[in-house]
Amino acid sequence: KEQAKKDMSDMLEYVNKLNELDTTNVEPMSHVFPLNNVMREDVVTNA
């Protein structure tokens, strides 16, 4: 329990440190890499 308490506190400190970053001109994103739909059109090719 004491180790978990220390680990959780360390994690929260790190997250709070990230809040110090200036992100005013950073566009929000859902993924680091751009994701494009690579699916083909669903077209019937055989009768």
All heavy atoms as atom14 arrays in JSON, in Angstrom:
{
  "sequence": "KEQAKKDMSDMLEYVNKLNELDTTNVEPMSHVFPLNNVMREDVVTNA",
  "atom14_mask": [
    [1, 1, 1, 1, 1, 1, 1, 1, 1, 0, 0, 0, 0, 0],
    [1, 1, 1, 1, 1, 1, 1, 1, 1, 0, 0, 0, 0, 0],
    [1, 1, 1, 1, 1, 1, 1, 1, 1, 0, 0, 0, 0, 0],
    [1, 1, 1, 1, 1, 0, 0, 0, 0, 0, 0, 0, 0, 0],
    [1, 1, 1, 1, 1, 1, 1, 1, 1, 0, 0, 0, 0, 0],
    [1, 1, 1, 1, 1, 1, 1, 1, 1, 0, 0, 0, 0, 0],
    [1, 1, 1, 1, 1, 1, 1, 1, 0, 0, 0, 0, 0, 0],
    [1, 1, 1, 1, 1, 1, 1, 1, 0, 0, 0, 0, 0, 0],
    [1, 1, 1, 1, 1, 1, 0, 0, 0, 0, 0, 0, 0, 0],
    [1, 1, 1, 1, 1, 1, 1, 1, 0, 0, 0, 0, 0, 0],
    [1, 1, 1, 1, 1, 1, 1, 1, 0, 0, 0, 0, 0, 0],
    [1, 1, 1, 1, 1, 1, 1, 1, 0, 0, 0, 0, 0, 0],
    [1, 1, 1, 1, 1, 1, 1, 1, 1, 0, 0, 0, 0, 0],
    [1, 1, 1, 1, 1, 1, 1, 1, 1, 1, 1, 1, 0, 0],
    [1, 1, 1, 1, 1, 1, 1, 0, 0, 0, 0, 0, 0, 0],
    [1, 1, 1, 1, 1, 1, 1, 1, 0, 0, 0, 0, 0, 0],
    [1, 1, 1, 1, 1, 1, 1, 1, 1, 0, 0, 0, 0, 0],
    [1, 1, 1, 1, 1, 1, 1, 1, 0, 0, 0, 0, 0, 0],
    [1, 1, 1, 1, 1, 1, 1, 1, 0, 0, 0, 0, 0, 0],
    [1, 1, 1, 1, 1, 1, 1, 1, 1, 0, 0, 0, 0, 0],
    [1, 1, 1, 1, 1, 1, 1, 1, 0, 0, 0, 0, 0, 0],
    [1, 1, 1, 1, 1, 1, 1, 1, 0, 0, 0, 0, 0, 0],
    [1, 1, 1, 1, 1, 1, 1, 0, 0, 0, 0, 0, 0, 0],
    [1, 1, 1, 1, 1, 1, 1, 0, 0, 0, 0, 0, 0, 0],
    [1, 1, 1, 1, 1, 1, 1, 1, 0, 0, 0, 0, 0, 0],
    [1, 1, 1, 1, 1, 1, 1, 0, 0, 0, 0, 0, 0, 0],
    [1, 1, 1, 1, 1, 1, 1, 1, 1, 0, 0, 0, 0, 0],
    [1, 1, 1, 1, 1, 1, 1, 0, 0, 0, 0, 0, 0, 0],
    [1, 1, 1, 1, 1, 1, 1, 1, 0, 0, 0, 0, 0, 0],
    [1, 1, 1, 1, 1, 1, 0, 0, 0, 0, 0, 0, 0, 0],
    [1, 1, 1, 1, 1, 1, 1, 1, 1, 1, 0, 0, 0, 0],
    [1, 1, 1, 1, 1, 1, 1, 0, 0, 0, 0, 0, 0, 0],
    [1, 1, 1, 1, 1, 1, 1, 1, 1, 1, 1, 0, 0, 0],
    [1, 1, 1, 1, 1, 1, 1, 0, 0, 0, 0, 0, 0, 0],
    [1, 1, 1, 1, 1, 1, 1, 1, 0, 0, 0, 0, 0, 0],
    [1, 1, 1, 1, 1, 1, 1, 1, 0, 0, 0, 0, 0, 0],
    [1, 1, 1, 1, 1, 1, 1, 1, 0, 0, 0, 0, 0, 0],
    [1, 1, 1, 1, 1, 1, 1, 0, 0, 0, 0, 0, 0, 0],
    [1, 1, 1, 1, 1, 1, 1, 1, 0, 0, 0, 0, 0, 0],
    [1, 1, 1, 1, 1, 1, 1, 1, 1, 1, 1, 0, 0, 0],
    [1, 1, 1, 1, 1, 1, 1, 1, 1, 0, 0, 0, 0, 0],
    [1, 1, 1, 1, 1, 1, 1, 1, 0, 0, 0, 0, 0, 0],
    [1, 1, 1, 1, 1, 1, 1, 0, 0, 0, 0, 0, 0, 0],
    [1, 1, 1, 1, 1, 1, 1, 0, 0, 0, 0, 0, 0, 0],
    [1, 1, 1, 1, 1, 1, 1, 0, 0, 0, 0, 0, 0, 0],
    [1, 1, 1, 1, 1, 1, 1, 1, 0, 0, 0, 0, 0, 0],
    [1, 1, 1, 1, 1, 0, 0, 0, 0, 0, 0, 0, 0, 0]
  ],
  "atom14_positions": [
    [[0.83, -1.21, 0.0], [0.0, 0.0, 0.0], [0.87, 1.25, 0.0], [0.6, 2.21, -0.72], [-0.94, 0.01, 1.21], [-2.09, -0.96, 1.09], [-3.0, -0.89, 2.3], [-4.12, -1.9, 2.18], [-5.03, -1.87, 3.33], [0.0, 0.0, 0.0], [0.0, 0.0, 0.0], [0.0, 0.0, 0.0], [0.0, 0.0, 0.0], [0.0, 0.0, 0.0]],
    [[1.93, 1.26, 0.81], [2.83, 2.42, 0.85], [3.53, 2.6, -0.49], [3.68, 3.72, -0.97], [3.86, 2.27, 1.98], [3.29, 2.51, 3.36], [2.65, 3.9, 3.49], [3.26, 4.9, 3.07], [1.54, 3.97, 4.03], [0.0, 0.0, 0.0], [0.0, 0.0, 0.0], [0.0, 0.0, 0.0], [0.0, 0.0, 0.0], [0.0, 0.0, 0.0]],
    [[3.95, 1.51, -1.11], [4.6, 1.6, -2.43], [3.62, 2.1, -3.48], [3.96, 2.95, -4.31], [5.18, 0.23, -2.84], [5.95, 0.26, -4.14], [7.17, 1.16, -4.08], [7.91, 1.14, -3.1], [7.39, 1.93, -5.12], [0.0, 0.0, 0.0], [0.0, 0.0, 0.0], [0.0, 0.0, 0.0], [0.0, 0.0, 0.0], [0.0, 0.0, 0.0]],
    [[2.38, 1.61, -3.45], [1.36, 2.06, -4.39], [1.07, 3.54, -4.19], [0.89, 4.3, -5.15], [0.09, 1.24, -4.24], [0.0, 0.0, 0.0], [0.0, 0.0, 0.0], [0.0, 0.0, 0.0], [0.0, 0.0, 0.0], [0.0, 0.0, 0.0], [0.0, 0.0, 0.0], [0.0, 0.0, 0.0], [0.0, 0.0, 0.0], [0.0, 0.0, 0.0]],
    [[1.03, 3.97, -2.94], [0.79, 5.38, -2.62], [1.9, 6.25, -3.2], [1.64, 7.29, -3.83], [0.73, 5.52, -1.1], [0.2, 6.8, -0.59], [0.0, 6.62, 0.92], [-0.1, 7.92, 1.63], [-0.25, 7.78, 3.07], [0.0, 0.0, 0.0], [0.0, 0.0, 0.0], [0.0, 0.0, 0.0], [0.0, 0.0, 0.0], [0.0, 0.0, 0.0]],
    [[3.15, 5.81, -3.06], [4.29, 6.55, -3.6], [4.24, 6.57, -5.13], [4.43, 7.61, -5.77], [5.6, 5.92, -3.13], [6.84, 6.63, -3.63], [8.09, 5.84, -3.29], [9.34, 6.43, -3.89], [9.28, 6.74, -5.28], [0.0, 0.0, 0.0], [0.0, 0.0, 0.0], [0.0, 0.0, 0.0], [0.0, 0.0, 0.0], [0.0, 0.0, 0.0]],
    [[3.95, 5.41, -5.75], [3.89, 5.33, -7.21], [2.8, 6.22, -7.78], [3.0, 6.92, -8.78], [3.66, 3.88, -7.65], [4.86, 2.98, -7.38], [5.97, 3.52, -7.16], [4.68, 1.74, -7.39], [0.0, 0.0, 0.0], [0.0, 0.0, 0.0], [0.0, 0.0, 0.0], [0.0, 0.0, 0.0], [0.0, 0.0, 0.0], [0.0, 0.0, 0.0]],
    [[1.62, 6.21, -7.15], [0.52, 7.05, -7.64], [0.86, 8.54, -7.49], [0.54, 9.34, -8.36], [-0.77, 6.72, -6.91], [-1.42, 5.45, -7.36], [-3.01, 5.27, -6.54], [-3.55, 3.73, -7.2], [0.0, 0.0, 0.0], [0.0, 0.0, 0.0], [0.0, 0.0, 0.0], [0.0, 0.0, 0.0], [0.0, 0.0, 0.0], [0.0, 0.0, 0.0]],
    [[1.5, 8.89, -6.4], [1.91, 10.28, -6.2], [2.91, 10.7, -7.27], [2.83, 11.81, -7.81], [2.54, 10.47, -4.82], [1.58, 10.27, -3.82], [0.0, 0.0, 0.0], [0.0, 0.0, 0.0], [0.0, 0.0, 0.0], [0.0, 0.0, 0.0], [0.0, 0.0, 0.0], [0.0, 0.0, 0.0], [0.0, 0.0, 0.0], [0.0, 0.0, 0.0]],
    [[3.87, 9.81, -7.59], [4.85, 10.11, -8.65], [4.16, 10.31, -9.99], [4.51, 11.2, -10.76], [5.89, 8.99, -8.75], [6.81, 8.94, -7.55], [6.84, 9.93, -6.77], [7.51, 7.91, -7.38], [0.0, 0.0, 0.0], [0.0, 0.0, 0.0], [0.0, 0.0, 0.0], [0.0, 0.0, 0.0], [0.0, 0.0, 0.0], [0.0, 0.0, 0.0]],
    [[3.16, 9.47, -10.28], [2.43, 9.61, -11.55], [1.7, 10.94, -11.62], [1.72, 11.64, -12.64], [1.45, 8.45, -11.73], [2.09, 7.15, -12.11], [0.86, 5.88, -12.49], [0.77, 5.04, -10.92], [0.0, 0.0, 0.0], [0.0, 0.0, 0.0], [0.0, 0.0, 0.0], [0.0, 0.0, 0.0], [0.0, 0.0, 0.0], [0.0, 0.0, 0.0]],
    [[1.04, 11.31, -10.54], [0.3, 12.57, -10.52], [1.24, 13.77, -10.63], [0.91, 14.77, -11.28], [-0.55, 12.68, -9.26], [-1.79, 11.8, -9.24], [-2.52, 11.95, -7.91], [-2.72, 12.14, -10.38], [0.0, 0.0, 0.0], [0.0, 0.0, 0.0], [0.0, 0.0, 0.0], [0.0, 0.0, 0.0], [0.0, 0.0, 0.0], [0.0, 0.0, 0.0]],
    [[2.42, 13.68, -10.01], [3.4, 14.75, -10.15], [3.81, 14.92, -11.6], [3.94, 16.04, -12.1], [4.65, 14.45, -9.31], [4.54, 14.81, -7.86], [5.82, 14.51, -7.1], [6.92, 14.75, -7.66], [5.71, 14.0, -5.98], [0.0, 0.0, 0.0], [0.0, 0.0, 0.0], [0.0, 0.0, 0.0], [0.0, 0.0, 0.0], [0.0, 0.0, 0.0]],
    [[4.02, 13.82, -12.29], [4.41, 13.88, -13.7], [3.29, 14.5, -14.55], [3.55, 15.34, -15.4], [4.75, 12.48, -14.21], [5.21, 12.48, -15.65], [6.47, 12.97, -15.99], [4.38, 12.02, -16.67], [6.88, 13.0, -17.31], [4.79, 12.04, -17.99], [6.05, 12.52, -18.3], [6.46, 12.56, -19.61], [0.0, 0.0, 0.0], [0.0, 0.0, 0.0]],
    [[2.07, 14.1, -14.3], [0.94, 14.66, -15.06], [0.83, 16.16, -14.78], [0.59, 16.95, -15.69], [-0.37, 13.92, -14.72], [-1.58, 14.63, -15.28], [-0.3, 12.49, -15.24], [0.0, 0.0, 0.0], [0.0, 0.0, 0.0], [0.0, 0.0, 0.0], [0.0, 0.0, 0.0], [0.0, 0.0, 0.0], [0.0, 0.0, 0.0], [0.0, 0.0, 0.0]],
    [[1.0, 16.57, -13.52], [0.96, 18.0, -13.19], [2.08, 18.75, -13.87], [1.91, 19.91, -14.26], [1.01, 18.2, -11.68], [-0.31, 17.89, -11.02], [-1.36, 18.0, -11.65], [-0.27, 17.47, -9.78], [0.0, 0.0, 0.0], [0.0, 0.0, 0.0], [0.0, 0.0, 0.0], [0.0, 0.0, 0.0], [0.0, 0.0, 0.0], [0.0, 0.0, 0.0]],
    [[3.22, 18.12, -14.04], [4.33, 18.75, -14.74], [3.96, 19.0, -16.21], [4.33, 20.01, -16.79], [5.58, 17.86, -14.64], [6.85, 18.52, -15.04], [8.02, 17.63, -14.71], [9.24, 18.5, -14.57], [10.39, 17.78, -14.07], [0.0, 0.0, 0.0], [0.0, 0.0, 0.0], [0.0, 0.0, 0.0], [0.0, 0.0, 0.0], [0.0, 0.0, 0.0]],
    [[3.21, 18.07, -16.8], [2.78, 18.25, -18.2], [1.83, 19.44, -18.33], [1.76, 20.06, -19.39], [2.09, 16.98, -18.71], [2.99, 15.76, -18.91], [2.15, 14.55, -19.31], [4.04, 16.03, -19.96], [0.0, 0.0, 0.0], [0.0, 0.0, 0.0], [0.0, 0.0, 0.0], [0.0, 0.0, 0.0], [0.0, 0.0, 0.0], [0.0, 0.0, 0.0]],
    [[1.09, 19.76, -17.29], [0.18, 20.91, -17.33], [0.92, 22.23, -17.44], [0.33, 23.25, -17.79], [-0.71, 20.92, -16.09], [-1.77, 19.85, -16.15], [-2.19, 19.44, -17.23], [-2.2, 19.38, -14.99], [0.0, 0.0, 0.0], [0.0, 0.0, 0.0], [0.0, 0.0, 0.0], [0.0, 0.0, 0.0], [0.0, 0.0, 0.0], [0.0, 0.0, 0.0]],
    [[2.22, 22.24, -17.15], [3.01, 23.46, -17.25], [3.36, 23.81, -18.7], [3.77, 24.93, -18.98], [4.31, 23.31, -16.44], [4.07, 23.12, -14.96], [5.35, 22.78, -14.21], [6.45, 22.85, -14.82], [5.26, 22.45, -13.02], [0.0, 0.0, 0.0], [0.0, 0.0, 0.0], [0.0, 0.0, 0.0], [0.0, 0.0, 0.0], [0.0, 0.0, 0.0]],
    [[3.21, 22.87, -19.62], [3.58, 23.11, -21.02], [2.62, 24.11, -21.67], [1.42, 24.1, -21.43], [3.57, 21.8, -21.8], [4.59, 20.76, -21.39], [4.34, 19.46, -22.15], [6.0, 21.26, -21.68], [0.0, 0.0, 0.0], [0.0, 0.0, 0.0], [0.0, 0.0, 0.0], [0.0, 0.0, 0.0], [0.0, 0.0, 0.0], [0.0, 0.0, 0.0]],
    [[3.18, 24.95, -22.55], [2.38, 25.89, -23.31], [1.85, 25.19, -24.56], [2.61, 24.83, -25.46], [3.22, 27.1, -23.71], [2.44, 28.11, -24.52], [1.19, 28.11, -24.43], [3.07, 28.89, -25.25], [0.0, 0.0, 0.0], [0.0, 0.0, 0.0], [0.0, 0.0, 0.0], [0.0, 0.0, 0.0], [0.0, 0.0, 0.0], [0.0, 0.0, 0.0]],
    [[0.54, 24.98, -24.62], [-0.07, 24.28, -25.75], [-1.06, 25.18, -26.5], [-1.98, 24.68, -27.14], [-0.81, 23.02, -25.25], [-1.8, 23.43, -24.3], [0.13, 22.03, -24.63], [0.0, 0.0, 0.0], [0.0, 0.0, 0.0], [0.0, 0.0, 0.0], [0.0, 0.0, 0.0], [0.0, 0.0, 0.0], [0.0, 0.0, 0.0], [0.0, 0.0, 0.0]],
    [[-0.82, 26.49, -26.47], [-1.78, 27.41, -27.08], [-1.87, 27.23, -28.59], [-2.94, 27.35, -29.17], [-1.42, 28.86, -26.75], [-0.05, 29.1, -27.08], [-1.66, 29.16, -25.29], [0.0, 0.0, 0.0], [0.0, 0.0, 0.0], [0.0, 0.0, 0.0], [0.0, 0.0, 0.0], [0.0, 0.0, 0.0], [0.0, 0.0, 0.0], [0.0, 0.0, 0.0]],
    [[-0.77, 26.94, -29.28], [-0.8, 26.81, -30.74], [-0.73, 25.36, -31.2], [-0.43, 25.09, -32.35], [0.37, 27.58, -31.36], [0.22, 29.07, -31.15], [-0.9, 29.59, -31.17], [1.32, 29.76, -30.92], [0.0, 0.0, 0.0], [0.0, 0.0, 0.0], [0.0, 0.0, 0.0], [0.0, 0.0, 0.0], [0.0, 0.0, 0.0], [0.0, 0.0, 0.0]],
    [[-1.03, 24.44, -30.31], [-1.0, 23.02, -30.65], [-2.41, 22.56, -30.96], [-3.32, 22.72, -30.16], [-0.4, 22.18, -29.48], [-0.43, 20.71, -29.84], [1.0, 22.65, -29.15], [0.0, 0.0, 0.0], [0.0, 0.0, 0.0], [0.0, 0.0, 0.0], [0.0, 0.0, 0.0], [0.0, 0.0, 0.0], [0.0, 0.0, 0.0], [0.0, 0.0, 0.0]],
    [[-2.56, 21.99, -32.16], [-3.87, 21.52, -32.58], [-4.2, 20.2, -31.89], [-3.37, 19.29, -31.84], [-3.87, 21.32, -34.1], [-5.22, 20.97, -34.67], [-5.18, 20.84, -36.19], [-4.37, 21.54, -36.82], [-5.95, 20.04, -36.71], [0.0, 0.0, 0.0], [0.0, 0.0, 0.0], [0.0, 0.0, 0.0], [0.0, 0.0, 0.0], [0.0, 0.0, 0.0]],
    [[-5.41, 20.07, -31.33], [-5.78, 18.8, -30.68], [-5.8, 17.66, -31.68], [-6.13, 17.85, -32.85], [-7.19, 19.06, -30.16], [-7.36, 20.51, -30.18], [-6.46, 21.06, -31.24], [0.0, 0.0, 0.0], [0.0, 0.0, 0.0], [0.0, 0.0, 0.0], [0.0, 0.0, 0.0], [0.0, 0.0, 0.0], [0.0, 0.0, 0.0], [0.0, 0.0, 0.0]],
    [[-5.4, 16.48, -31.22], [-5.41, 15.31, -32.1], [-5.79, 14.07, -31.31], [-5.66, 14.05, -30.09], [-4.05, 15.13, -32.76], [-2.9, 14.91, -31.82], [-1.38, 14.69, -32.74], [-0.27, 15.59, -31.68], [0.0, 0.0, 0.0], [0.0, 0.0, 0.0], [0.0, 0.0, 0.0], [0.0, 0.0, 0.0], [0.0, 0.0, 0.0], [0.0, 0.0, 0.0]],
    [[-6.27, 13.08, -32.01], [-6.65, 11.84, -31.35], [-5.56, 10.78, -31.44], [-5.61, 9.78, -30.74], [-7.94, 11.3, -31.96], [-7.72, 10.99, -33.32], [0.0, 0.0, 0.0], [0.0, 0.0, 0.0], [0.0, 0.0, 0.0], [0.0, 0.0, 0.0], [0.0, 0.0, 0.0], [0.0, 0.0, 0.0], [0.0, 0.0, 0.0], [0.0, 0.0, 0.0]],
    [[-4.58, 11.0, -32.31], [-3.52, 10.02, -32.49], [-2.26, 10.75, -32.94], [-2.34, 11.79, -33.58], [-3.94, 8.98, -33.55], [-3.15, 7.72, -33.47], [-1.94, 7.57, -34.1], [-3.39, 6.55, -32.83], [-1.47, 6.36, -33.86], [-2.33, 5.72, -33.09], [0.0, 0.0, 0.0], [0.0, 0.0, 0.0], [0.0, 0.0, 0.0], [0.0, 0.0, 0.0]],
    [[-1.11, 10.19, -32.61], [0.15, 10.83, -32.97], [0.36, 10.83, -34.47], [0.83, 11.81, -35.05], [1.33, 10.11, -32.28], [2.65, 10.71, -32.68], [1.17, 10.16, -30.77], [0.0, 0.0, 0.0], [0.0, 0.0, 0.0], [0.0, 0.0, 0.0], [0.0, 0.0, 0.0], [0.0, 0.0, 0.0], [0.0, 0.0, 0.0], [0.0, 0.0, 0.0]],
    [[-0.01, 9.75, -35.13], [0.16, 9.64, -36.57], [-1.15, 9.96, -37.27], [-2.22, 9.64, -36.77], [0.6, 8.22, -36.95], [1.89, 7.81, -36.3], [1.89, 6.87, -35.28], [3.09, 8.37, -36.69], [3.07, 6.5, -34.67], [4.27, 8.0, -36.09], [4.28, 7.06, -35.08], [0.0, 0.0, 0.0], [0.0, 0.0, 0.0], [0.0, 0.0, 0.0]],
    [[-1.07, 10.57, -38.46], [-2.32, 10.84, -39.18], [-2.94, 9.53, -39.65], [-2.26, 8.66, -40.19], [-1.87, 11.69, -40.37], [-0.41, 11.4, -40.53], [0.1, 11.04, -39.18], [0.0, 0.0, 0.0], [0.0, 0.0, 0.0], [0.0, 0.0, 0.0], [0.0, 0.0, 0.0], [0.0, 0.0, 0.0], [0.0, 0.0, 0.0], [0.0, 0.0, 0.0]],
    [[-4.23, 9.39, -39.4], [-4.93, 8.17, -39.79], [-5.87, 8.5, -40.95], [-6.66, 9.43, -40.88], [-5.74, 7.61, -38.62], [-4.93, 7.16, -37.42], [-5.87, 6.72, -36.3], [-4.0, 6.03, -37.78], [0.0, 0.0, 0.0], [0.0, 0.0, 0.0], [0.0, 0.0, 0.0], [0.0, 0.0, 0.0], [0.0, 0.0, 0.0], [0.0, 0.0, 0.0]],
    [[-5.76, 7.72, -42.0], [-6.63, 7.89, -43.15], [-7.4, 6.6, -43.37], [-6.9, 5.51, -43.1], [-5.83, 8.22, -44.41], [-5.07, 9.52, -44.27], [-5.59, 10.47, -43.7], [-3.86, 9.56, -44.76], [0.0, 0.0, 0.0], [0.0, 0.0, 0.0], [0.0, 0.0, 0.0], [0.0, 0.0, 0.0], [0.0, 0.0, 0.0], [0.0, 0.0, 0.0]],
    [[-8.59, 6.72, -43.89], [-9.38, 5.55, -44.21], [-8.77, 4.86, -45.42], [-8.68, 5.44, -46.5], [-10.82, 5.96, -44.49], [-11.72, 4.76, -44.64], [-11.27, 3.62, -44.59], [-13.0, 5.0, -44.84], [0.0, 0.0, 0.0], [0.0, 0.0, 0.0], [0.0, 0.0, 0.0], [0.0, 0.0, 0.0], [0.0, 0.0, 0.0], [0.0, 0.0, 0.0]],
    [[-8.31, 3.64, -45.23], [-7.68, 2.91, -46.32], [-8.61, 1.85, -46.89], [-8.18, 0.96, -47.61], [-6.35, 2.24, -45.85], [-5.32, 3.28, -45.52], [-6.6, 1.33, -44.68], [0.0, 0.0, 0.0], [0.0, 0.0, 0.0], [0.0, 0.0, 0.0], [0.0, 0.0, 0.0], [0.0, 0.0, 0.0], [0.0, 0.0, 0.0], [0.0, 0.0, 0.0]],
    [[-9.88, 1.96, -46.57], [-10.85, 0.99, -47.07], [-11.2, 1.31, -48.52], [-11.23, 2.46, -48.93], [-12.12, 1.04, -46.22], [-11.86, 0.89, -44.76], [-11.61, -0.81, -44.36], [-12.94, -1.03, -43.23], [0.0, 0.0, 0.0], [0.0, 0.0, 0.0], [0.0, 0.0, 0.0], [0.0, 0.0, 0.0], [0.0, 0.0, 0.0], [0.0, 0.0, 0.0]],
    [[-11.46, 0.27, -49.26], [-11.88, 0.46, -50.65], [-13.39, 0.66, -50.69], [-14.08, 0.35, -49.74], [-11.47, -0.74, -51.49], [-12.14, -2.03, -51.06], [-11.87, -3.15, -52.05], [-12.31, -4.42, -51.55], [-13.58, -4.84, -51.49], [-14.54, -4.06, -51.91], [-13.9, -6.02, -51.01], [0.0, 0.0, 0.0], [0.0, 0.0, 0.0], [0.0, 0.0, 0.0]],
    [[-13.85, 1.15, -51.81], [-15.3, 1.28, -52.0], [-15.9, -0.11, -52.04], [-15.32, -1.05, -52.6], [-15.61, 1.99, -53.31], [-15.48, 3.48, -53.25], [-16.52, 4.11, -52.33], [-17.71, 3.72, -52.39], [-16.13, 4.99, -51.57], [0.0, 0.0, 0.0], [0.0, 0.0, 0.0], [0.0, 0.0, 0.0], [0.0, 0.0, 0.0], [0.0, 0.0, 0.0]],
    [[-17.06, -0.28, -51.46], [-17.74, -1.56, -51.47], [-18.56, -1.67, -52.75], [-19.7, -1.21, -52.82], [-18.65, -1.66, -50.23], [-19.19, -3.06, -50.05], [-18.65, -3.99, -50.67], [-20.14, -3.22, -49.27], [0.0, 0.0, 0.0], [0.0, 0.0, 0.0], [0.0, 0.0, 0.0], [0.0, 0.0, 0.0], [0.0, 0.0, 0.0], [0.0, 0.0, 0.0]],
    [[-17.94, -2.28, -53.75], [-18.56, -2.4, -55.06], [-18.72, -3.87, -55.39], [-17.78, -4.66, -55.23], [-17.69, -1.71, -56.15], [-18.31, -1.87, -57.52], [-17.48, -0.25, -55.8], [0.0, 0.0, 0.0], [0.0, 0.0, 0.0], [0.0, 0.0, 0.0], [0.0, 0.0, 0.0], [0.0, 0.0, 0.0], [0.0, 0.0, 0.0], [0.0, 0.0, 0.0]],
    [[-19.89, -4.27, -55.84], [-20.14, -5.65, -56.23], [-19.39, -5.9, -57.55], [-19.59, -5.2, -58.54], [-21.64, -5.92, -56.41], [-21.88, -7.35, -56.89], [-22.38, -5.66, -55.11], [0.0, 0.0, 0.0], [0.0, 0.0, 0.0], [0.0, 0.0, 0.0], [0.0, 0.0, 0.0], [0.0, 0.0, 0.0], [0.0, 0.0, 0.0], [0.0, 0.0, 0.0]],
    [[-18.52, -6.92, -57.54], [-17.72, -7.2, -58.74], [-18.15, -8.47, -59.44], [-17.71, -8.74, -60.54], [-16.22, -7.31, -58.37], [-16.07, -8.33, -57.4], [-15.69, -5.99, -57.85], [0.0, 0.0, 0.0], [0.0, 0.0, 0.0], [0.0, 0.0, 0.0], [0.0, 0.0, 0.0], [0.0, 0.0, 0.0], [0.0, 0.0, 0.0], [0.0, 0.0, 0.0]],
    [[-18.98, -9.28, -58.78], [-19.45, -10.5, -59.44], [-20.97, -10.53, -59.38], [-21.58, -10.15, -58.41], [-18.84, -11.75, -58.8], [-19.14, -11.83, -57.32], [-19.55, -10.85, -56.71], [-18.94, -13.0, -56.74], [0.0, 0.0, 0.0], [0.0, 0.0, 0.0], [0.0, 0.0, 0.0], [0.0, 0.0, 0.0], [0.0, 0.0, 0.0], [0.0, 0.0, 0.0]],
    [[-21.54, -11.03, -60.44], [-23.0, -11.09, -60.53], [-23.49, -12.4, -59.89], [-22.71, -13.2, -59.4], [-23.43, -11.02, -61.98], [0.0, 0.0, 0.0], [0.0, 0.0, 0.0], [0.0, 0.0, 0.0], [0.0, 0.0, 0.0], [0.0, 0.0, 0.0], [0.0, 0.0, 0.0], [0.0, 0.0, 0.0], [0.0, 0.0, 0.0], [0.0, 0.0, 0.0]]
  ]
}
